[in-house]
Protein backbone atom coordinates (compact mmCIF):
# COMPACT_ATOMS: atom_id res chain seq x y z
CA MET A 1 -8.70 6.50 4.49
CA ALA A 2 -7.84 2.87 3.80
CA THR A 3 -4.72 0.96 4.76
CA THR A 4 -4.36 -0.92 1.48
CA ILE A 5 -5.93 -1.52 -1.91
CA GLY A 6 -5.53 -5.23 -1.19
CA ALA A 7 -3.08 -8.02 -1.89
CA ALA A 8 -4.51 -8.73 -5.36
CA ALA A 9 -4.31 -5.16 -6.66
CA GLU A 10 -0.80 -4.71 -5.21
CA THR A 11 0.24 -7.91 -6.97
CA TYR A 12 -1.02 -6.61 -10.31
CA TYR A 13 0.72 -3.28 -9.72
CA SER A 14 3.93 -5.19 -9.00
CA LEU A 15 3.67 -6.98 -12.36
CA GLU A 16 3.17 -3.65 -14.13
CA MET A 17 6.28 -2.35 -12.41
CA LEU A 18 8.26 -5.49 -13.19
CA SER A 19 7.45 -5.13 -16.91
CA ARG A 20 8.98 -1.64 -17.16
CA ARG A 21 12.33 -1.18 -18.85
CA SER A 22 13.46 1.48 -16.39
CA LEU A 23 12.69 1.45 -12.70
CA ALA A 24 12.94 4.00 -9.91
CA VAL A 25 15.86 3.58 -7.51
CA PRO A 26 13.81 2.34 -4.50
CA PHE A 27 12.58 -0.68 -6.49
CA LEU A 28 15.84 -1.82 -8.04
CA PRO A 29 16.73 -4.18 -5.13
CA TRP A 30 13.21 -5.63 -5.32
CA ARG A 31 13.51 -6.37 -9.05
CA THR A 32 16.90 -7.98 -8.49
CA GLN A 33 15.27 -10.42 -6.07
CA VAL A 34 12.17 -11.31 -8.11
CA ALA A 35 13.19 -11.01 -11.78
CA GLY A 36 13.10 -14.34 -13.59
CA ARG A 37 11.48 -16.17 -10.67
CA LEU A 38 7.84 -16.21 -11.83
CA PRO A 39 6.70 -19.82 -12.35
CA GLN A 40 4.89 -21.05 -15.45
CA ASP A 41 1.50 -21.05 -13.74
CA ALA A 42 1.81 -17.27 -13.25
CA LYS A 43 1.60 -16.64 -17.02
CA PRO A 44 -2.23 -16.30 -17.27
CA LEU A 45 -2.00 -13.12 -15.20
CA THR A 46 1.25 -11.74 -16.62
CA VAL A 47 -0.17 -11.79 -20.16
CA LEU A 48 -3.02 -9.59 -18.95
CA VAL A 49 -0.62 -6.74 -18.20
CA PRO A 50 -0.80 -4.38 -21.22
CA ASP A 51 2.21 -2.58 -22.66
CA HIS A 52 0.36 0.74 -22.39
CA GLY A 53 -2.96 2.12 -21.27
CA PRO A 54 -5.12 1.07 -18.31
CA GLY A 55 -4.74 -2.38 -16.84
CA LEU A 56 -7.09 -4.62 -14.88
CA ASP A 57 -8.77 -3.22 -11.79
CA LEU A 58 -8.18 -6.15 -9.45
CA LEU A 59 -9.52 -4.11 -6.55
CA THR A 60 -12.95 -4.34 -8.20
CA LEU A 61 -12.53 -7.99 -9.17
CA ALA A 62 -10.76 -9.41 -6.10
CA GLY A 63 -11.55 -6.96 -3.28
CA ASP A 64 -9.26 -5.14 -0.89
CA SER A 65 -8.40 -7.95 1.50
CA PRO A 66 -4.73 -8.00 2.55
CA ASP A 67 -4.97 -11.82 2.53
CA ILE A 68 -4.21 -13.28 -0.89
CA ASP A 69 -6.25 -16.45 -0.27
CA GLN A 70 -9.35 -14.39 0.41
CA ALA A 71 -8.61 -12.25 -2.66
CA VAL A 72 -8.37 -15.39 -4.82
CA ASP A 73 -11.70 -16.62 -3.47
CA THR A 74 -13.31 -13.25 -4.24
CA LEU A 75 -11.94 -13.35 -7.80
CA LEU A 76 -13.37 -16.83 -8.33
CA ARG A 77 -16.81 -15.60 -7.22
CA ALA A 78 -16.78 -12.28 -9.10
CA PRO A 79 -19.89 -11.80 -11.28
CA ARG A 80 -19.30 -12.72 -14.90
CA ALA A 81 -20.62 -9.37 -16.14
CA ARG A 82 -18.12 -7.49 -13.96
CA VAL A 83 -15.20 -9.57 -15.23
CA ARG A 84 -16.28 -9.01 -18.82
CA ARG A 85 -16.55 -5.23 -18.33
CA GLU A 86 -13.08 -5.05 -16.80
CA LEU A 87 -11.44 -7.06 -19.57
CA GLU A 88 -13.17 -5.12 -22.37
CA VAL A 89 -11.36 -1.84 -21.59
CA VAL A 90 -7.82 -3.26 -21.45
CA ALA A 91 -5.62 -3.05 -24.57
CA PHE A 92 -4.11 -6.52 -24.52
CA ASP A 93 -1.36 -7.74 -26.79
CA PRO A 94 -3.15 -9.28 -29.82
CA ALA A 95 -1.30 -12.53 -29.16
CA HIS A 96 -3.17 -12.88 -25.86
CA SER A 97 -6.55 -11.40 -26.77
CA SER A 98 -8.09 -14.82 -27.35
CA TRP A 99 -7.13 -15.91 -23.82
CA ALA A 100 -8.58 -12.72 -22.38
CA ARG A 101 -11.78 -13.30 -24.36
CA THR A 102 -12.03 -16.82 -22.90
CA VAL A 103 -11.89 -15.40 -19.38
CA ALA A 104 -14.36 -12.64 -20.27
CA GLU A 105 -16.85 -15.13 -21.67
CA GLY A 106 -17.02 -16.89 -18.32
CA ASP A 107 -15.09 -20.08 -18.94
CA GLY A 108 -14.76 -21.70 -15.51
CA GLU A 109 -11.40 -23.35 -16.13
CA ALA A 110 -9.93 -20.11 -17.48
CA ARG A 111 -11.12 -18.27 -14.37
CA ARG A 112 -9.48 -20.89 -12.14
CA GLN A 113 -6.22 -20.58 -14.09
CA LEU A 114 -6.34 -16.83 -13.61
CA ALA A 115 -6.91 -17.23 -9.86
CA THR A 116 -4.02 -19.70 -9.62
CA ALA A 117 -1.81 -17.25 -11.50
CA LEU A 118 -2.71 -14.45 -9.09
CA ALA A 119 -1.61 -16.56 -6.12
CA ALA A 120 1.58 -17.66 -7.93
CA CYS A 121 2.56 -14.08 -8.77
CA HIS A 122 1.87 -12.91 -5.23
CA ARG A 123 4.16 -15.60 -3.78
CA VAL A 124 7.10 -14.19 -5.74
CA THR A 125 6.59 -10.45 -6.20
CA VAL A 126 4.70 -9.41 -3.05
CA GLY A 127 4.45 -12.19 -0.47
CA PRO A 128 8.06 -12.17 0.82
CA PHE A 129 7.85 -8.40 1.42
CA TRP A 130 4.21 -8.11 2.46
CA PRO A 131 4.69 -7.96 6.26
CA ALA A 132 7.09 -5.01 6.02
CA ALA A 133 4.99 -3.40 3.28
CA ARG A 134 1.79 -3.66 5.33
CA SER A 135 3.53 -2.11 8.31
CA HIS A 136 4.62 0.80 6.13
CA LEU A 137 1.12 1.19 4.66
CA GLU A 138 -0.35 1.31 8.16
CA ALA A 139 2.18 3.98 9.11
CA VAL A 140 1.28 6.07 6.06
CA ARG A 141 -2.42 5.79 6.87
CA ALA A 142 -1.67 6.87 10.43
CA GLN A 143 0.16 9.90 9.04
CA TYR A 144 -2.90 10.75 6.94
CA ALA A 145 -5.05 10.48 10.06
CA ARG A 146 -2.69 12.68 12.04
CA THR A 147 -2.72 15.36 9.33
CA PHE A 148 -6.50 15.18 9.17
CA LEU A 149 -6.82 15.62 12.93
CA GLU A 150 -4.47 18.58 12.95
CA THR A 151 -5.53 20.40 9.75
CA GLY A 152 -8.86 18.95 8.64
CA VAL A 153 -9.87 17.55 5.25
CA GLU A 154 -8.62 20.55 3.27
CA GLY A 155 -5.27 20.45 5.04
CA LEU A 156 -4.89 16.76 4.24
CA LEU A 157 -5.75 17.24 0.56
CA ALA A 158 -3.45 20.26 0.28
CA THR A 159 -0.45 18.25 1.47
CA LEU A 160 -1.29 14.98 -0.29
CA CYS A 161 1.60 13.89 -2.52
CA PRO A 162 2.64 17.17 -4.14
CA PRO A 163 3.24 17.89 -7.00
CA LEU A 164 1.10 15.00 -8.26
CA VAL A 165 -1.99 16.30 -6.46
CA ARG A 166 -3.28 19.83 -6.17
CA TRP A 167 -6.24 20.90 -4.06
CA SER A 168 -8.11 23.69 -5.87
CA PRO A 169 -11.37 23.94 -3.90
CA PRO A 170 -13.72 22.37 -4.64
CA VAL A 171 -11.75 20.30 -7.15
CA LEU A 172 -8.99 17.81 -6.42
CA GLU A 173 -6.65 17.86 -9.42
CA VAL A 174 -4.52 14.77 -10.03
CA ARG A 175 -1.78 14.36 -12.64
CA HIS A 176 -3.08 11.84 -15.16
CA PRO A 177 -2.13 10.88 -18.75
CA ARG A 178 -5.70 11.61 -19.94
CA ARG A 179 -8.12 14.35 -19.00
CA VAL A 180 -10.97 12.76 -17.06
CA ASP A 181 -13.60 14.48 -14.93
CA VAL A 182 -15.04 12.36 -12.13
CA HIS A 183 -18.01 13.72 -10.21
CA LEU A 184 -18.30 12.08 -6.80
CA GLY A 185 -21.94 12.99 -6.36
CA GLY A 186 -21.77 12.80 -2.60
CA ARG A 187 -20.14 9.35 -2.53
CA GLY A 188 -16.92 10.62 -0.97
CA LEU A 189 -13.38 9.54 -1.77
CA VAL A 190 -11.18 6.91 -0.15
CA LEU A 191 -7.44 7.57 0.01
CA ALA A 192 -5.44 4.34 -0.25
CA PRO A 193 -1.61 4.19 -0.08
CA THR A 194 0.09 1.72 -2.40
CA VAL A 195 3.54 0.16 -2.27
CA PHE A 196 4.09 -0.74 -5.91
CA SER A 197 3.70 2.69 -7.47
CA TRP A 198 6.15 5.52 -7.92
CA ARG A 199 4.96 9.06 -8.57
CA GLU A 200 1.75 7.75 -10.07
CA LEU A 201 -1.83 7.87 -8.85
CA SER A 202 -4.89 5.97 -10.01
CA LEU A 203 -8.59 6.38 -9.42
CA LEU A 204 -10.18 2.96 -9.00
CA TYR A 205 -13.96 2.63 -9.13
CA ASP A 206 -16.72 0.69 -10.83
CA PRO A 207 -18.51 3.11 -13.21
CA TYR A 208 -21.47 0.72 -13.34
CA ASP A 209 -22.00 0.75 -9.59
CA GLU A 210 -23.40 4.08 -8.43
CA GLU A 211 -22.94 3.03 -4.80
CA SER A 212 -19.23 2.29 -5.07
CA VAL A 213 -16.88 4.82 -3.49
CA PRO A 214 -13.90 5.73 -5.72
CA ARG A 215 -10.43 5.06 -4.32
CA LEU A 216 -7.49 7.29 -5.06
CA THR A 217 -4.27 5.30 -4.85
CA VAL A 218 -1.35 7.33 -3.52
CA PRO A 219 2.31 6.20 -3.62
CA ALA A 220 3.48 5.15 -0.17
CA VAL A 221 7.15 4.81 -1.12
CA THR A 222 8.45 8.34 -1.57
CA ASP A 223 11.91 8.12 -0.02
CA PRO A 224 14.56 6.12 -1.93
CA ALA A 225 16.53 5.19 1.19
CA TYR A 226 13.53 3.94 3.12
CA GLY A 227 12.02 2.29 0.07
CA SER A 228 15.03 0.08 -0.42
CA ALA A 229 14.71 -1.10 3.18
CA LEU A 230 11.33 -2.72 2.41
CA TRP A 231 12.97 -5.45 0.36
CA HIS A 232 15.04 -6.96 3.18
CA GLY A 233 12.27 -9.25 4.36
CA GLY A 234 11.76 -7.45 7.64
CA ASN A 235 14.81 -9.02 9.21
CA GLY A 236 15.77 -5.82 11.00
CA THR A 237 19.25 -4.41 11.45
CA ALA A 238 21.94 -4.38 14.10
CA ASP A 239 20.83 -0.85 15.01
CA ASP A 240 17.25 -2.04 15.55
CA GLU A 241 18.57 -4.74 17.86
CA ALA A 242 20.71 -2.21 19.74
CA LEU A 243 17.73 0.08 20.27
CA GLY A 244 15.70 -2.91 21.43
CA ALA A 245 18.43 -3.85 23.90
CA VAL A 246 18.16 -0.42 25.51
CA LEU A 247 14.40 0.13 25.46
CA GLY A 248 13.16 -3.43 25.16
CA ARG A 249 12.01 -4.84 21.80
CA THR A 250 8.32 -4.01 22.27
CA ARG A 251 9.01 -0.50 23.52
CA ALA A 252 11.41 0.11 20.63
CA ALA A 253 8.69 -1.06 18.23
CA VAL A 254 6.26 1.37 19.91
CA LEU A 255 8.68 4.23 19.33
CA HIS A 256 9.04 3.31 15.65
CA LEU A 257 5.27 3.20 15.15
CA LEU A 258 4.68 6.50 16.90
CA ALA A 259 6.94 8.31 14.46
CA TYR A 260 3.81 8.56 12.32
CA GLY A 261 1.33 9.16 15.15
CA CYS A 262 -1.00 6.54 16.58
CA GLY A 263 -3.76 6.06 19.15
CA THR A 264 -3.54 3.62 22.04
CA THR A 265 -6.06 1.13 20.65
CA GLU A 266 -4.53 1.15 17.18
CA LEU A 267 -1.07 0.80 18.68
CA ALA A 268 -2.16 -2.23 20.70
CA GLY A 269 -3.72 -3.85 17.65
CA ARG A 270 -0.68 -3.37 15.45
CA LEU A 271 1.66 -4.82 18.08
CA GLY A 272 -0.63 -7.60 19.25
CA ILE A 273 -0.66 -6.43 22.89
CA THR A 274 -3.42 -5.27 25.22
CA PRO A 275 -4.43 -1.58 25.38
CA ALA A 276 -3.30 -1.58 29.03
CA ALA A 277 0.17 -2.76 28.02
CA ALA A 278 0.27 -0.18 25.24
CA SER A 279 -0.59 2.54 27.78
CA GLN A 280 2.27 1.41 30.03
CA HIS A 281 4.75 1.63 27.16
CA THR A 282 3.55 5.08 26.07
CA LYS A 283 3.68 6.29 29.68
CA ALA A 284 7.31 5.21 29.99
CA LEU A 285 8.29 6.77 26.65
CA ARG A 286 6.47 9.97 27.53
CA GLY A 287 8.27 10.12 30.86
CA ALA A 288 11.57 9.84 29.01
CA GLY A 289 10.63 12.73 26.75
CA LEU A 290 10.54 10.54 23.63
CA ILE A 291 6.83 10.98 22.81
CA THR A 292 4.00 13.41 23.49
CA THR A 293 0.32 12.63 23.94
CA SER A 294 -2.58 14.89 22.97
CA ARG A 295 -6.31 14.33 23.32
CA ARG A 296 -8.77 14.58 20.44
CA GLY A 297 -12.31 14.27 21.73
CA GLY A 298 -12.60 10.84 23.29
CA SER A 299 -9.34 9.52 21.88
CA VAL A 300 -5.64 10.27 22.23
CA LEU A 301 -2.83 10.64 19.73
CA HIS A 302 0.74 9.65 20.60
CA VAL A 303 3.62 10.95 18.47
CA THR A 304 7.40 11.06 18.84
CA THR A 305 9.08 14.22 20.05
CA ALA A 306 12.15 15.80 18.45
CA LEU A 307 14.29 13.76 20.85
CA GLY A 308 12.48 10.56 19.86
CA ARG A 309 12.86 11.32 16.16
CA GLU A 310 16.53 12.10 16.71
CA LEU A 311 17.01 8.71 18.36
CA LEU A 312 15.23 6.91 15.52
CA GLY A 313 17.04 9.00 12.93
CA ALA A 314 20.44 8.10 14.33
CA THR A 315 19.78 4.37 14.09
CA GLY A 316 18.04 4.77 10.74
CA GLU A 317 20.97 6.64 9.24
CA ARG A 318 23.38 3.88 10.24
CA ALA A 319 20.97 1.32 8.82
CA ARG A 320 20.79 3.18 5.48
CA VAL A 321 24.57 3.20 5.20
CA GLY A 322 24.53 -0.58 5.52
CA ARG A 323 21.80 -0.87 2.86
CA SER A 324 23.47 1.15 0.13
CA PHE A 325 23.50 -0.34 -3.35
């Protein structure tokens, strides 16, 4: 289970979404904020988004780093043969095929223009929302982990994004526009939640690298009300502040994170506090009946109780009313 497919791949997914004529409700506020704002130096990447068919696999070309600067550096250093293979399978608009061919042939200046375009697109379509998006992706991954701990691999696969995915042992069936059979051959499968996808899954892997582990991208935004909240720049709401005034801001943040289940070490890392401080917060919340703690081998899992979820749900419902559109 991965937390993200990376800043570069999410940026490309965001461009694919931006190019659609119709958009799902959760992404309408996002498009309102970003439409028409792409600068001229973003064009080298936008022209590489096809009208139909598969697009570029920027996970393969730019890596899965959540940091766009590192992704740009990886793209600049990607082997020429790999770039050429990726560009050969994309059905580009004929008007832009010559530009794509220039990149594929290894022209250094063209590669730099493409890297600059990736950074420029990210600044507009992903960057302003990335902190909140990453927090949500981490929460989804934690939910995957919790389901795995409680029900095992088969339980996780059986509940993974229905009806788009169906677990028919020993085959994982995924809704796809074309029939494709992928044999893992013992390599395993990485589940990776994505922000900029809606009821669509993709299998990303390098068919020329027998060592690469395929990644199945799974939509992380499944609730229209919560999805719209991602596009507010993480500024929080009056209800968040009220909850923080009662519990303390850090403890309120702990309660929010534990809605999806989390261990002490992971909790500390996501909040930037020490494990000892995280333990103190979980002890206080447990004493108030807002969370429960269970042990799994040498680790523990904290998760909100019904009372804790009710408290979060009450503030969340008021927040959604204020975010209607």
